[in-house]
PDB file of N, CA and C in Angstrom:
ATOM      1  N   GLN A   1      10.780  25.072  52.284  1.00  0.00           N
ATOM      2  CA  GLN A   1      11.055  25.971  51.171  1.00  0.00           C
ATOM      3  C   GLN A   1      11.664  25.222  50.008  1.00  0.00           C
ATOM      4  N   VAL A   2      11.316  25.650  48.802  1.00  0.00           N
ATOM      5  CA  VAL A   2      11.886  25.103  47.576  1.00  0.00           C
ATOM      6  C   VAL A   2      12.406  26.268  46.750  1.00  0.00           C
ATOM      7  N   ARG A   3      13.645  26.187  46.309  1.00  0.00           N
ATOM      8  CA  ARG A   3      14.215  27.218  45.433  1.00  0.00           C
ATOM      9  C   ARG A   3      14.314  26.644  44.029  1.00  0.00           C
ATOM     10  N   LEU A   4      13.797  27.389  43.055  1.00  0.00           N
ATOM     11  CA  LEU A   4      13.765  26.938  41.667  1.00  0.00           C
ATOM     12  C   LEU A   4      14.528  27.929  40.804  1.00  0.00           C
ATOM     13  N   VAL A   5      15.448  27.436  39.988  1.00  0.00           N
ATOM     14  CA  VAL A   5      16.254  28.306  39.131  1.00  0.00           C
ATOM     15  C   VAL A   5      16.167  27.801  37.697  1.00  0.00           C
ATOM     16  N   GLU A   6      15.600  28.633  36.826  1.00  0.00           N
ATOM     17  CA  GLU A   6      15.447  28.268  35.425  1.00  0.00           C
ATOM     18  C   GLU A   6      16.650  28.724  34.605  1.00  0.00           C
ATOM     19  N   SER A   7      16.865  28.051  33.484  1.00  0.00           N
ATOM     20  CA  SER A   7      17.881  28.456  32.518  1.00  0.00           C
ATOM     21  C   SER A   7      17.499  27.906  31.150  1.00  0.00           C
ATOM     22  N   GLY A   8      18.191  28.386  30.111  1.00  0.00           N
ATOM     23  CA  GLY A   8      17.976  27.846  28.780  1.00  0.00           C
ATOM     24  C   GLY A   8      17.185  28.734  27.843  1.00  0.00           C
ATOM     25  N   GLY A   9      16.685  29.845  28.337  1.00  0.00           N
ATOM     26  CA  GLY A   9      15.951  30.745  27.464  1.00  0.00           C
ATOM     27  C   GLY A   9      16.866  31.455  26.487  1.00  0.00           C
ATOM     28  N   GLY A  10      16.255  32.166  25.521  1.00  0.00           N
ATOM     29  CA  GLY A  10      17.047  32.908  24.558  1.00  0.00           C
ATOM     30  C   GLY A  10      16.226  33.279  23.348  1.00  0.00           C
ATOM     31  N   LEU A  11      16.928  33.698  22.307  1.00  0.00           N
ATOM     32  CA  LEU A  11      16.300  34.094  21.037  1.00  0.00           C
ATOM     33  C   LEU A  11      16.414  32.943  20.051  1.00  0.00           C
ATOM     34  N   VAL A  12      15.315  32.591  19.418  1.00  0.00           N
ATOM     35  CA  VAL A  12      15.305  31.499  18.452  1.00  0.00           C
ATOM     36  C   VAL A  12      14.393  31.880  17.296  1.00  0.00           C
ATOM     37  N   GLN A  13      14.706  31.388  16.116  1.00  0.00           N
ATOM     38  CA  GLN A  13      13.881  31.660  14.946  1.00  0.00           C
ATOM     39  C   GLN A  13      12.633  30.775  14.949  1.00  0.00           C
ATOM     40  N   PRO A  14      11.576  31.221  14.294  1.00  0.00           N
ATOM     41  CA  PRO A  14      10.379  30.373  14.172  1.00  0.00           C
ATOM     42  C   PRO A  14      10.729  29.018  13.573  1.00  0.00           C
ATOM     43  N   GLY A  15      10.141  27.983  14.153  1.00  0.00           N
ATOM     44  CA  GLY A  15      10.447  26.619  13.732  1.00  0.00           C
ATOM     45  C   GLY A  15      11.598  25.993  14.483  1.00  0.00           C
ATOM     46  N   GLY A  16      12.305  26.780  15.266  1.00  0.00           N
ATOM     47  CA  GLY A  16      13.456  26.280  15.998  1.00  0.00           C
ATOM     48  C   GLY A  16      13.087  25.604  17.306  1.00  0.00           C
ATOM     49  N   SER A  17      14.118  25.212  18.058  1.00  0.00           N
ATOM     50  CA  SER A  17      13.922  24.486  19.310  1.00  0.00           C
ATOM     51  C   SER A  17      14.750  25.101  20.430  1.00  0.00           C
ATOM     52  N   LEU A  18      14.274  24.921  21.642  1.00  0.00           N
ATOM     53  CA  LEU A  18      15.008  25.282  22.848  1.00  0.00           C
ATOM     54  C   LEU A  18      14.663  24.263  23.923  1.00  0.00           C
ATOM     55  N   ARG A  19      15.585  24.061  24.863  1.00  0.00           N
ATOM     56  CA  ARG A  19      15.286  23.246  26.030  1.00  0.00           C
ATOM     57  C   ARG A  19      15.525  24.070  27.286  1.00  0.00           C
ATOM     58  N   LEU A  20      14.471  24.235  28.057  1.00  0.00           N
ATOM     59  CA  LEU A  20      14.569  24.915  29.334  1.00  0.00           C
ATOM     60  C   LEU A  20      14.861  23.907  30.436  1.00  0.00           C
ATOM     61  N   SER A  21      15.614  24.356  31.419  1.00  0.00           N
ATOM     62  CA  SER A  21      15.909  23.532  32.591  1.00  0.00           C
ATOM     63  C   SER A  21      15.525  24.290  33.850  1.00  0.00           C
ATOM     64  N   CYS A  22      15.163  23.535  34.870  1.00  0.00           N
ATOM     65  CA  CYS A  22      14.840  24.121  36.166  1.00  0.00           C
ATOM     66  C   CYS A  22      15.444  23.227  37.238  1.00  0.00           C
ATOM     67  N   VAL A  23      16.391  23.777  37.975  1.00  0.00           N
ATOM     68  CA  VAL A  23      17.034  23.035  39.055  1.00  0.00           C
ATOM     69  C   VAL A  23      16.389  23.425  40.374  1.00  0.00           C
ATOM     70  N   ALA A  24      16.010  22.411  41.152  1.00  0.00           N
ATOM     71  CA  ALA A  24      15.340  22.648  42.425  1.00  0.00           C
ATOM     72  C   ALA A  24      16.253  22.311  43.588  1.00  0.00           C
ATOM     73  N   SER A  25      16.112  23.062  44.650  1.00  0.00           N
ATOM     74  CA  SER A  25      16.839  22.771  45.889  1.00  0.00           C
ATOM     75  C   SER A  25      15.906  23.039  47.054  1.00  0.00           C
ATOM     76  N   GLY A  26      16.237  22.449  48.200  1.00  0.00           N
ATOM     77  CA  GLY A  26      15.402  22.639  49.375  1.00  0.00           C
ATOM     78  C   GLY A  26      14.635  21.379  49.701  1.00  0.00           C
ATOM     79  N   ARG A  27      13.304  21.489  49.748  1.00  0.00           N
ATOM     80  CA  ARG A  27      12.469  20.346  50.082  1.00  0.00           C
ATOM     81  C   ARG A  27      12.682  19.225  49.085  1.00  0.00           C
ATOM     82  N   THR A  28      12.380  17.983  49.455  1.00  0.00           N
ATOM     83  CA  THR A  28      12.644  16.830  48.617  1.00  0.00           C
ATOM     84  C   THR A  28      11.982  16.983  47.251  1.00  0.00           C
ATOM     85  N   PHE A  29      12.817  17.181  46.234  1.00  0.00           N
ATOM     86  CA  PHE A  29      12.336  17.435  44.877  1.00  0.00           C
ATOM     87  C   PHE A  29      11.526  16.280  44.332  1.00  0.00           C
ATOM     88  N   SER A  30      11.971  15.062  44.592  1.00  0.00           N
ATOM     89  CA  SER A  30      11.345  13.900  43.972  1.00  0.00           C
ATOM     90  C   SER A  30       9.920  13.672  44.455  1.00  0.00           C
ATOM     91  N   MET A  31       9.495  14.339  45.522  1.00  0.00           N
ATOM     92  CA  MET A  31       8.152  14.173  46.041  1.00  0.00           C
ATOM     93  C   MET A  31       7.206  15.253  45.540  1.00  0.00           C
ATOM     94  N   SER A  32       7.692  16.172  44.718  1.00  0.00           N
ATOM     95  CA  SER A  32       6.885  17.302  44.249  1.00  0.00           C
ATOM     96  C   SER A  32       6.545  17.164  42.784  1.00  0.00           C
ATOM     97  N   ALA A  33       5.301  17.422  42.434  1.00  0.00           N
ATOM     98  CA  ALA A  33       4.959  17.615  41.030  1.00  0.00           C
ATOM     99  C   ALA A  33       5.548  18.950  40.586  1.00  0.00           C
ATOM    100  N   MET A  34       5.911  19.038  39.307  1.00  0.00           N
ATOM    101  CA  MET A  34       6.530  20.239  38.784  1.00  0.00           C
ATOM    102  C   MET A  34       5.778  20.692  37.538  1.00  0.00           C
ATOM    103  N   GLY A  35       5.894  21.969  37.243  1.00  0.00           N
ATOM    104  CA  GLY A  35       5.207  22.475  36.074  1.00  0.00           C
ATOM    105  C   GLY A  35       5.926  23.648  35.453  1.00  0.00           C
ATOM    106  N   TRP A  36       5.467  24.010  34.273  1.00  0.00           N
ATOM    107  CA  TRP A  36       5.943  25.204  33.579  1.00  0.00           C
ATOM    108  C   TRP A  36       4.752  26.094  33.248  1.00  0.00           C
ATOM    109  N   PHE A  37       4.936  27.378  33.430  1.00  0.00           N
ATOM    110  CA  PHE A  37       3.965  28.398  33.070  1.00  0.00           C
ATOM    111  C   PHE A  37       4.681  29.417  32.187  1.00  0.00           C
ATOM    112  N   ARG A  38       3.903  30.267  31.535  1.00  0.00           N
ATOM    113  CA  ARG A  38       4.505  31.342  30.757  1.00  0.00           C
ATOM    114  C   ARG A  38       3.614  32.573  30.798  1.00  0.00           C
ATOM    115  N   GLN A  39       4.268  33.727  30.590  1.00  0.00           N
ATOM    116  CA  GLN A  39       3.540  34.989  30.536  1.00  0.00           C
ATOM    117  C   GLN A  39       4.078  35.802  29.382  1.00  0.00           C
ATOM    118  N   GLY A  40       3.259  35.941  28.334  1.00  0.00           N
ATOM    119  CA  GLY A  40       3.636  36.719  27.170  1.00  0.00           C
ATOM    120  C   GLY A  40       3.383  38.209  27.367  1.00  0.00           C
ATOM    121  N   PRO A  41       3.895  39.045  26.481  1.00  0.00           N
ATOM    122  CA  PRO A  41       3.716  40.499  26.594  1.00  0.00           C
ATOM    123  C   PRO A  41       2.242  40.871  26.634  1.00  0.00           C
ATOM    124  N   GLY A  42       1.836  41.573  27.664  1.00  0.00           N
ATOM    125  CA  GLY A  42       0.449  42.016  27.779  1.00  0.00           C
ATOM    126  C   GLY A  42      -0.551  40.916  28.073  1.00  0.00           C
ATOM    127  N   LYS A  43      -0.059  39.739  28.441  1.00  0.00           N
ATOM    128  CA  LYS A  43      -0.958  38.609  28.698  1.00  0.00           C
ATOM    129  C   LYS A  43      -0.851  38.153  30.148  1.00  0.00           C
ATOM    130  N   GLU A  44      -1.851  37.381  30.562  1.00  0.00           N
ATOM    131  CA  GLU A  44      -1.797  36.785  31.888  1.00  0.00           C
ATOM    132  C   GLU A  44      -0.908  35.541  31.869  1.00  0.00           C
ATOM    133  N   ARG A  45      -0.399  35.191  33.034  1.00  0.00           N
ATOM    134  CA  ARG A  45       0.388  33.972  33.140  1.00  0.00           C
ATOM    135  C   ARG A  45      -0.508  32.768  32.857  1.00  0.00           C
ATOM    136  N   GLU A  46       0.001  31.803  32.061  1.00  0.00           N
ATOM    137  CA  GLU A  46      -0.798  30.641  31.695  1.00  0.00           C
ATOM    138  C   GLU A  46      -0.026  29.354  31.907  1.00  0.00           C
ATOM    139  N   PHE A  47      -0.780  28.305  32.167  1.00  0.00           N
ATOM    140  CA  PHE A  47      -0.221  26.962  32.357  1.00  0.00           C
ATOM    141  C   PHE A  47       0.305  26.429  31.028  1.00  0.00           C
ATOM    142  N   VAL A  48       1.454  25.763  31.078  1.00  0.00           N
ATOM    143  CA  VAL A  48       2.039  25.142  29.884  1.00  0.00           C
ATOM    144  C   VAL A  48       2.058  23.620  30.023  1.00  0.00           C
ATOM    145  N   ALA A  49       2.647  23.118  31.112  1.00  0.00           N
ATOM    146  CA  ALA A  49       2.779  21.666  31.262  1.00  0.00           C
ATOM    147  C   ALA A  49       3.049  21.323  32.717  1.00  0.00           C
ATOM    148  N   ALA A  50       2.709  20.082  33.094  1.00  0.00           N
ATOM    149  CA  ALA A  50       2.981  19.585  34.435  1.00  0.00           C
ATOM    150  C   ALA A  50       3.442  18.140  34.358  1.00  0.00           C
ATOM    151  N   ILE A  51       4.190  17.723  35.373  1.00  0.00           N
ATOM    152  CA  ILE A  51       4.664  16.345  35.443  1.00  0.00           C
ATOM    153  C   ILE A  51       4.570  15.884  36.891  1.00  0.00           C
ATOM    154  N   SER A  52       4.126  14.648  37.099  1.00  0.00           N
ATOM    155  CA  SER A  52       3.981  14.120  38.446  1.00  0.00           C
ATOM    156  C   SER A  52       5.338  13.863  39.075  1.00  0.00           C
ATOM    157  N   TRP A  53       5.337  13.572  40.370  1.00  0.00           N
ATOM    158  CA  TRP A  53       6.605  13.412  41.079  1.00  0.00           C
ATOM    159  C   TRP A  53       7.425  12.261  40.520  1.00  0.00           C
ATOM    160  N   SER A  54       6.758  11.207  40.036  1.00  0.00           N
ATOM    161  CA  SER A  54       7.472  10.043  39.497  1.00  0.00           C
ATOM    162  C   SER A  54       7.821  10.220  38.023  1.00  0.00           C
ATOM    163  N   GLY A  55       7.167  11.176  37.375  1.00  0.00           N
ATOM    164  CA  GLY A  55       7.350  11.337  35.936  1.00  0.00           C
ATOM    165  C   GLY A  55       6.400  10.489  35.108  1.00  0.00           C
ATOM    166  N   ALA A  56       5.546   9.718  35.772  1.00  0.00           N
ATOM    167  CA  ALA A  56       4.664   8.791  35.054  1.00  0.00           C
ATOM    168  C   ALA A  56       3.494   9.514  34.380  1.00  0.00           C
ATOM    169  N   ARG A  57       3.106  10.651  34.918  1.00  0.00           N
ATOM    170  CA  ARG A  57       1.982  11.394  34.354  1.00  0.00           C
ATOM    171  C   ARG A  57       2.428  12.782  33.917  1.00  0.00           C
ATOM    172  N   THR A  58       1.918  13.192  32.768  1.00  0.00           N
ATOM    173  CA  THR A  58       2.164  14.552  32.293  1.00  0.00           C
ATOM    174  C   THR A  58       0.866  15.150  31.773  1.00  0.00           C
ATOM    175  N   ASN A  59       0.831  16.456  31.736  1.00  0.00           N
ATOM    176  CA  ASN A  59      -0.343  17.185  31.289  1.00  0.00           C
ATOM    177  C   ASN A  59       0.141  18.414  30.530  1.00  0.00           C
ATOM    178  N   ASP A  60      -0.332  18.592  29.297  1.00  0.00           N
ATOM    179  CA  ASP A  60       0.097  19.715  28.480  1.00  0.00           C
ATOM    180  C   ASP A  60      -1.084  20.592  28.108  1.00  0.00           C
ATOM    181  N   ALA A  61      -0.844  21.884  28.000  1.00  0.00           N
ATOM    182  CA  ALA A  61      -1.863  22.791  27.482  1.00  0.00           C
ATOM    183  C   ALA A  61      -2.093  22.507  26.000  1.00  0.00           C
ATOM    184  N   ASP A  62      -3.318  22.730  25.546  1.00  0.00           N
ATOM    185  CA  ASP A  62      -3.643  22.455  24.142  1.00  0.00           C
ATOM    186  C   ASP A  62      -2.748  23.227  23.177  1.00  0.00           C
ATOM    187  N   SER A  63      -2.347  24.420  23.572  1.00  0.00           N
ATOM    188  CA  SER A  63      -1.550  25.288  22.694  1.00  0.00           C
ATOM    189  C   SER A  63      -0.153  24.742  22.420  1.00  0.00           C
ATOM    190  N   VAL A  64       0.305  23.794  23.232  1.00  0.00           N
ATOM    191  CA  VAL A  64       1.665  23.272  23.055  1.00  0.00           C
ATOM    192  C   VAL A  64       1.705  21.769  22.789  1.00  0.00           C
ATOM    193  N   LYS A  65       0.545  21.128  22.772  1.00  0.00           N
ATOM    194  CA  LYS A  65       0.508  19.674  22.544  1.00  0.00           C
ATOM    195  C   LYS A  65       1.181  19.307  21.230  1.00  0.00           C
ATOM    196  N   GLY A  66       2.013  18.282  21.284  1.00  0.00           N
ATOM    197  CA  GLY A  66       2.715  17.820  20.097  1.00  0.00           C
ATOM    198  C   GLY A  66       3.980  18.607  19.779  1.00  0.00           C
ATOM    199  N   ARG A  67       4.196  19.716  20.491  1.00  0.00           N
ATOM    200  CA  ARG A  67       5.400  20.528  20.244  1.00  0.00           C
ATOM    201  C   ARG A  67       6.318  20.597  21.465  1.00  0.00           C
ATOM    202  N   PHE A  68       5.750  20.656  22.649  1.00  0.00           N
ATOM    203  CA  PHE A  68       6.528  20.766  23.889  1.00  0.00           C
ATOM    204  C   PHE A  68       6.450  19.444  24.660  1.00  0.00           C
ATOM    205  N   THR A  69       7.541  19.106  25.328  1.00  0.00           N
ATOM    206  CA  THR A  69       7.586  17.903  26.162  1.00  0.00           C
ATOM    207  C   THR A  69       8.212  18.229  27.504  1.00  0.00           C
ATOM    208  N   ILE A  70       7.512  17.905  28.576  1.00  0.00           N
ATOM    209  CA  ILE A  70       8.054  18.087  29.918  1.00  0.00           C
ATOM    210  C   ILE A  70       8.630  16.761  30.393  1.00  0.00           C
ATOM    211  N   SER A  71       9.758  16.837  31.089  1.00  0.00           N
ATOM    212  CA  SER A  71      10.390  15.636  31.641  1.00  0.00           C
ATOM    213  C   SER A  71      11.134  16.033  32.907  1.00  0.00           C
ATOM    214  N   ARG A  72      11.604  15.033  33.643  1.00  0.00           N
ATOM    215  CA  ARG A  72      12.349  15.325  34.870  1.00  0.00           C
ATOM    216  C   ARG A  72      13.389  14.254  35.114  1.00  0.00           C
ATOM    217  N   ASP A  73      14.416  14.651  35.855  1.00  0.00           N
ATOM    218  CA  ASP A  73      15.467  13.745  36.291  1.00  0.00           C
ATOM    219  C   ASP A  73      15.613  13.960  37.798  1.00  0.00           C
ATOM    220  N   ASN A  74      15.021  13.070  38.583  1.00  0.00           N
ATOM    221  CA  ASN A  74      15.034  13.260  40.031  1.00  0.00           C
ATOM    222  C   ASN A  74      16.437  13.122  40.623  1.00  0.00           C
ATOM    223  N   ALA A  75      17.303  12.390  39.966  1.00  0.00           N
ATOM    224  CA  ALA A  75      18.679  12.265  40.450  1.00  0.00           C
ATOM    225  C   ALA A  75      19.423  13.597  40.345  1.00  0.00           C
ATOM    226  N   LYS A  76      18.984  14.443  39.411  1.00  0.00           N
ATOM    227  CA  LYS A  76      19.627  15.744  39.221  1.00  0.00           C
ATOM    228  C   LYS A  76      18.766  16.891  39.748  1.00  0.00           C
ATOM    229  N   ASN A  77      17.650  16.567  40.372  1.00  0.00           N
ATOM    230  CA  ASN A  77      16.728  17.596  40.884  1.00  0.00           C
ATOM    231  C   ASN A  77      16.362  18.602  39.792  1.00  0.00           C
ATOM    232  N   THR A  78      16.118  18.106  38.598  1.00  0.00           N
ATOM    233  CA  THR A  78      15.917  18.986  37.448  1.00  0.00           C
ATOM    234  C   THR A  78      14.670  18.588  36.662  1.00  0.00           C
ATOM    235  N   VAL A  79      13.923  19.592  36.232  1.00  0.00           N
ATOM    236  CA  VAL A  79      12.804  19.394  35.319  1.00  0.00           C
ATOM    237  C   VAL A  79      13.116  20.154  34.035  1.00  0.00           C
ATOM    238  N   TYR A  80      12.691  19.578  32.919  1.00  0.00           N
ATOM    239  CA  TYR A  80      13.015  20.144  31.609  1.00  0.00           C
ATOM    240  C   TYR A  80      11.738  20.465  30.838  1.00  0.00           C
ATOM    241  N   LEU A  81      11.873  21.396  29.900  1.00  0.00           N
ATOM    242  CA  LEU A  81      10.808  21.645  28.935  1.00  0.00           C
ATOM    243  C   LEU A  81      11.464  21.713  27.552  1.00  0.00           C
ATOM    244  N   GLN A  82      11.282  20.660  26.776  1.00  0.00           N
ATOM    245  CA  GLN A  82      11.784  20.637  25.411  1.00  0.00           C
ATOM    246  C   GLN A  82      10.743  21.300  24.515  1.00  0.00           C
ATOM    247  N   MET A  83      11.137  22.351  23.824  1.00  0.00           N
ATOM    248  CA  MET A  83      10.211  23.121  22.992  1.00  0.00           C
ATOM    249  C   MET A  83      10.658  23.025  21.540  1.00  0.00           C
ATOM    250  N   ASN A  84       9.824  22.435  20.698  1.00  0.00           N
ATOM    251  CA  ASN A  84      10.099  22.282  19.274  1.00  0.00           C
ATOM    252  C   ASN A  84       9.068  23.059  18.462  1.00  0.00           C
ATOM    253  N   SER A  85       9.381  23.271  17.198  1.00  0.00           N
ATOM    254  CA  SER A  85       8.464  23.971  16.280  1.00  0.00           C
ATOM    255  C   SER A  85       7.956  25.271  16.894  1.00  0.00           C
ATOM    256  N   LEU A  86       8.863  26.048  17.420  1.00  0.00           N
ATOM    257  CA  LEU A  86       8.481  27.266  18.128  1.00  0.00           C
ATOM    258  C   LEU A  86       7.857  28.294  17.193  1.00  0.00           C
ATOM    259  N   LYS A  87       6.885  29.022  17.741  1.00  0.00           N
ATOM    260  CA  LYS A  87       6.150  30.041  16.993  1.00  0.00           C
ATOM    261  C   LYS A  87       6.339  31.396  17.680  1.00  0.00           C
ATOM    262  N   PRO A  88       6.152  32.484  16.950  1.00  0.00           N
ATOM    263  CA  PRO A  88       6.268  33.810  17.586  1.00  0.00           C
ATOM    264  C   PRO A  88       5.347  33.959  18.797  1.00  0.00           C
ATOM    265  N   GLU A  89       4.188  33.320  18.768  1.00  0.00           N
ATOM    266  CA  GLU A  89       3.260  33.433  19.891  1.00  0.00           C
ATOM    267  C   GLU A  89       3.727  32.664  21.125  1.00  0.00           C
ATOM    268  N   ASP A  90       4.801  31.905  21.015  1.00  0.00           N
ATOM    269  CA  ASP A  90       5.391  31.241  22.185  1.00  0.00           C
ATOM    270  C   ASP A  90       6.312  32.198  22.955  1.00  0.00           C
ATOM    271  N   THR A  91       6.540  33.380  22.412  1.00  0.00           N
ATOM    272  CA  THR A  91       7.376  34.363  23.096  1.00  0.00           C
ATOM    273  C   THR A  91       6.777  34.721  24.451  1.00  0.00           C
ATOM    274  N   ALA A  92       7.574  34.558  25.495  1.00  0.00           N
ATOM    275  CA  ALA A  92       7.076  34.771  26.856  1.00  0.00           C
ATOM    276  C   ALA A  92       8.216  34.592  27.846  1.00  0.00           C
ATOM    277  N   VAL A  93       7.965  34.995  29.080  1.00  0.00           N
ATOM    278  CA  VAL A  93       8.822  34.589  30.185  1.00  0.00           C
ATOM    279  C   VAL A  93       8.276  33.251  30.687  1.00  0.00           C
ATOM    280  N   TYR A  94       9.138  32.278  30.784  1.00  0.00           N
ATOM    281  CA  TYR A  94       8.734  30.938  31.203  1.00  0.00           C
ATOM    282  C   TYR A  94       9.162  30.721  32.652  1.00  0.00           C
ATOM    283  N   TYR A  95       8.200  30.242  33.438  1.00  0.00           N
ATOM    284  CA  TYR A  95       8.417  30.051  34.867  1.00  0.00           C
ATOM    285  C   TYR A  95       8.293  28.581  35.235  1.00  0.00           C
ATOM    286  N   CYS A  96       9.179  28.131  36.077  1.00  0.00           N
ATOM    287  CA  CYS A  96       9.113  26.803  36.677  1.00  0.00           C
ATOM    288  C   CYS A  96       8.286  26.909  37.955  1.00  0.00           C
ATOM    289  N   ALA A  97       7.554  25.844  38.285  1.00  0.00           N
ATOM    290  CA  ALA A  97       6.703  25.878  39.458  1.00  0.00           C
ATOM    291  C   ALA A  97       6.648  24.507  40.113  1.00  0.00           C
ATOM    292  N   ALA A  98       6.411  24.491  41.410  1.00  0.00           N
ATOM    293  CA  ALA A  98       6.242  23.255  42.168  1.00  0.00           C
ATOM    294  C   ALA A  98       4.900  23.293  42.877  1.00  0.00           C
ATOM    295  N   GLY A  99       4.240  22.148  42.944  1.00  0.00           N
ATOM    296  CA  GLY A  99       2.944  22.107  43.606  1.00  0.00           C
ATOM    297  C   GLY A  99       2.309  20.746  43.495  1.00  0.00           C
ATOM    298  N   ASP A 100       0.978  20.711  43.670  1.00  0.00           N
ATOM    299  CA  ASP A 100       0.220  19.473  43.558  1.00  0.00           C
ATOM    300  C   ASP A 100      -0.141  19.229  42.093  1.00  0.00           C
ATOM    301  N   TYR A 101       0.082  18.012  41.624  1.00  0.00           N
ATOM    302  CA  TYR A 101      -0.099  17.715  40.201  1.00  0.00           C
ATOM    303  C   TYR A 101      -1.500  18.080  39.700  1.00  0.00           C
ATOM    304  N   SER A 102      -2.524  17.737  40.457  1.00  0.00           N
ATOM    305  CA  SER A 102      -3.887  17.961  39.986  1.00  0.00           C
ATOM    306  C   SER A 102      -4.285  19.438  40.029  1.00  0.00           C
ATOM    307  N   ARG A 103      -3.549  20.240  40.766  1.00  0.00           N
ATOM    308  CA  ARG A 103      -3.921  21.640  40.928  1.00  0.00           C
ATOM    309  C   ARG A 103      -3.013  22.594  40.173  1.00  0.00           C
ATOM    310  N   LEU A 104      -1.867  22.131  39.709  1.00  0.00           N
ATOM    311  CA  LEU A 104      -0.979  23.012  38.944  1.00  0.00           C
ATOM    312  C   LEU A 104      -1.672  23.631  37.736  1.00  0.00           C
ATOM    313  N   PRO A 105      -2.427  22.871  36.938  1.00  0.00           N
ATOM    314  CA  PRO A 105      -3.062  23.474  35.750  1.00  0.00           C
ATOM    315  C   PRO A 105      -3.997  24.633  36.055  1.00  0.00           C
ATOM    316  N   ILE A 106      -4.492  24.742  37.266  1.00  0.00           N
ATOM    317  CA  ILE A 106      -5.359  25.872  37.606  1.00  0.00           C
ATOM    318  C   ILE A 106      -4.572  26.971  38.307  1.00  0.00           C
ATOM    319  N   GLY A 107      -3.258  26.842  38.312  1.00  0.00           N
ATOM    320  CA  GLY A 107      -2.420  27.900  38.857  1.00  0.00           C
ATOM    321  C   GLY A 107      -2.194  27.840  40.347  1.00  0.00           C
ATOM    322  N   ALA A 108      -2.564  26.733  40.977  1.00  0.00           N
ATOM    323  CA  ALA A 108      -2.330  26.583  42.417  1.00  0.00           C
ATOM    324  C   ALA A 108      -0.894  26.113  42.610  1.00  0.00           C
ATOM    325  N   VAL A 109      -0.006  27.058  42.773  1.00  0.00           N
ATOM    326  CA  VAL A 109       1.431  26.806  42.799  1.00  0.00           C
ATOM    327  C   VAL A 109       1.980  27.105  44.183  1.00  0.00           C
ATOM    328  N   GLY A 110       2.839  26.183  44.668  1.00  0.00           N
ATOM    329  CA  GLY A 110       3.465  26.408  45.969  1.00  0.00           C
ATOM    330  C   GLY A 110       4.694  27.291  45.874  1.00  0.00           C
ATOM    331  N   PHE A 111       5.492  27.065  44.840  1.00  0.00           N
ATOM    332  CA  PHE A 111       6.747  27.791  44.686  1.00  0.00           C
ATOM    333  C   PHE A 111       6.979  28.127  43.221  1.00  0.00           C
ATOM    334  N   TRP A 112       7.540  29.329  42.986  1.00  0.00           N
ATOM    335  CA  TRP A 112       7.845  29.797  41.643  1.00  0.00           C
ATOM    336  C   TRP A 112       9.344  30.027  41.480  1.00  0.00           C
ATOM    337  N   GLY A 113       9.819  29.838  40.238  1.00  0.00           N
ATOM    338  CA  GLY A 113      11.154  30.282  39.890  1.00  0.00           C
ATOM    339  C   GLY A 113      11.104  31.739  39.465  1.00  0.00           C
ATOM    340  N   GLN A 114      12.258  32.285  39.087  1.00  0.00           N
ATOM    341  CA  GLN A 114      12.330  33.709  38.743  1.00  0.00           C
ATOM    342  C   GLN A 114      11.997  33.962  37.279  1.00  0.00           C
ATOM    343  N   GLY A 115      11.972  32.919  36.462  1.00  0.00           N
ATOM    344  CA  GLY A 115      11.612  33.049  35.058  1.00  0.00           C
ATOM    345  C   GLY A 115      12.803  33.164  34.125  1.00  0.00           C
ATOM    346  N   THR A 116      12.603  32.726  32.878  1.00  0.00           N
ATOM    347  CA  THR A 116      13.613  32.854  31.833  1.00  0.00           C
ATOM    348  C   THR A 116      12.911  33.279  30.542  1.00  0.00           C
ATOM    349  N   GLN A 117      13.511  34.244  29.840  1.00  0.00           N
ATOM    350  CA  GLN A 117      12.871  34.817  28.656  1.00  0.00           C
ATOM    351  C   GLN A 117      13.109  33.938  27.434  1.00  0.00           C
ATOM    352  N   VAL A 118      12.036  33.673  26.697  1.00  0.00           N
ATOM    353  CA  VAL A 118      12.100  32.991  25.409  1.00  0.00           C
ATOM    354  C   VAL A 118      11.508  33.927  24.368  1.00  0.00           C
ATOM    355  N   THR A 119      12.289  34.219  23.341  1.00  0.00           N
ATOM    356  CA  THR A 119      11.832  35.096  22.263  1.00  0.00           C
ATOM    357  C   THR A 119      11.941  34.357  20.947  1.00  0.00           C
ATOM    358  N   VAL A 120      10.823  34.263  20.243  1.00  0.00           N
ATOM    359  CA  VAL A 120      10.784  33.578  18.956  1.00  0.00           C
ATOM    360  C   VAL A 120      10.561  34.637  17.873  1.00  0.00           C
ATOM    361  N   SER A 121      11.591  34.874  17.099  1.00  0.00           N
ATOM    362  CA  SER A 121      11.527  35.944  16.112  1.00  0.00           C
ATOM    363  C   SER A 121      12.562  35.721  15.029  1.00  0.00           C
ATOM    364  N   SER A 122      12.223  36.146  13.823  1.00  0.00           N
ATOM    365  CA  SER A 122      13.184  36.070  12.716  1.00  0.00           C
ATOM    366  C   SER A 122      13.944  37.392  12.578  1.00  0.00           C
TER     367      SER A 122
END
């Protein structure tokens, strides 16, 4: 079992920044690829970004390329999502996920966090 707890969400103005964190406990964190997903109002859950267990490989959705950065600190069992140049359409509940790196982008997730709300509005 892996327990994932997200934090860092909130209300931010368009153009602003937020950093989400996800702390993992349970199974060996450093051996798991991690990812972020989001689900906006009235929308399906979608892939945002993934990072390999070592941090050497990352994969971002086209909608966030150049604005969001995923990273991890295995010593702290934590994965981050730095979000810059936020837009109203980024408003969503953001979920942390653990799984296989090559399969995370298609939604094949082993474990989910409970989610954290991000609202981008003036």
